[in-house]
Amino acid sequence: MNLTVRDAARRLGVSPSLVYDWCRRHLLTHFRFARPGKRGKILIPDDALGEFVERFKVSPETAPSPVRLKHIRQ
């Protein structure tokens, strides 16, 4: 199933402009259907959205260790 930019944004809880930015920067796999010189329509495969989200998943195993700042008294 393919999602529109608005559907993908709604599913992730972000703005459509952020999804457009990810597409523009080629971070999110998508299809663009348009004539030359036109913006056209962007469709995002459902599985591509899932893969995109997995790339940014932070878990206790992958999270960086906390940094202690020396100039802050505790």
Protein backbone atom coordinates (compact mmCIF):
# COMPACT_ATOMS: atom_id res chain seq x y z
CA MET A 1 0.00 0.00 0.00
CA ASN A 2 1.22 3.51 -0.77
CA LEU A 3 0.67 6.49 1.49
CA THR A 4 0.29 10.14 0.60
CA VAL A 5 2.57 12.63 2.32
CA ARG A 6 -0.31 13.68 4.56
CA ASP A 7 -1.06 10.06 5.53
CA ALA A 8 2.61 9.36 6.29
CA ALA A 9 2.86 12.53 8.39
CA ARG A 10 -0.29 11.64 10.30
CA ARG A 11 0.99 8.12 10.96
CA LEU A 12 4.32 9.42 12.31
CA GLY A 13 2.83 12.37 14.19
CA VAL A 14 4.88 14.95 12.28
CA SER A 15 4.07 17.76 9.87
CA PRO A 16 3.65 17.13 6.14
CA SER A 17 6.39 19.71 5.51
CA LEU A 18 8.85 17.52 7.43
CA VAL A 19 7.91 14.50 5.28
CA TYR A 20 8.36 16.63 2.14
CA ASP A 21 11.79 17.63 3.45
CA TRP A 22 12.79 13.99 4.01
CA CYS A 23 11.71 13.21 0.44
CA ARG A 24 13.56 16.23 -0.95
CA ARG A 25 16.74 15.13 0.85
CA HIS A 26 16.24 11.52 -0.38
CA LEU A 27 16.08 10.17 3.18
CA LEU A 28 12.67 8.59 2.66
CA THR A 29 12.02 6.25 -0.28
CA HIS A 30 9.15 7.56 -2.38
CA PHE A 31 7.66 7.73 -5.85
CA ARG A 32 7.03 11.03 -7.61
CA PHE A 33 4.50 11.02 -10.43
CA ALA A 34 4.70 14.21 -12.47
CA ARG A 35 5.21 15.72 -15.87
CA PRO A 36 8.49 17.51 -16.54
CA GLY A 37 8.50 20.85 -14.74
CA LYS A 38 5.57 19.94 -12.46
CA ARG A 39 5.62 18.97 -8.80
CA GLY A 40 3.25 16.05 -9.21
CA LYS A 41 2.20 13.62 -6.53
CA ILE A 42 4.42 11.85 -4.00
CA LEU A 43 3.53 8.37 -2.79
CA ILE A 44 5.41 6.57 -0.04
CA PRO A 45 5.39 2.76 0.14
CA ASP A 46 4.13 1.57 3.51
CA ASP A 47 7.13 -0.73 3.99
CA ALA A 48 9.54 2.12 3.14
CA LEU A 49 8.01 4.19 5.93
CA GLY A 50 8.53 1.30 8.35
CA GLU A 51 12.17 0.91 7.30
CA PHE A 52 12.69 4.65 7.64
CA VAL A 53 11.36 4.61 11.20
CA GLU A 54 13.54 1.61 12.12
CA ARG A 55 16.69 3.49 11.04
CA PHE A 56 16.00 6.10 13.72
CA LYS A 57 14.98 3.73 16.49
CA VAL A 58 16.84 4.32 19.74
CA SER A 59 16.94 1.50 22.26
CA PRO A 60 18.89 1.10 25.51
CA GLU A 61 21.45 -0.98 23.60
CA THR A 62 22.03 1.65 20.91
CA ALA A 63 21.61 4.82 22.96
CA PRO A 64 24.80 6.75 23.70
CA SER A 65 25.92 6.80 27.30
CA PRO A 66 25.05 9.93 29.28
CA VAL A 67 27.65 12.66 29.22
CA ARG A 68 28.61 14.30 32.47
CA LEU A 69 29.34 17.98 32.24
CA LYS A 70 32.22 18.94 34.51
CA HIS A 71 31.18 22.56 34.87
CA ILE A 72 27.83 21.69 36.48
CA ARG A 73 27.90 21.08 40.23
CA GLN A 74 25.88 18.17 41.45
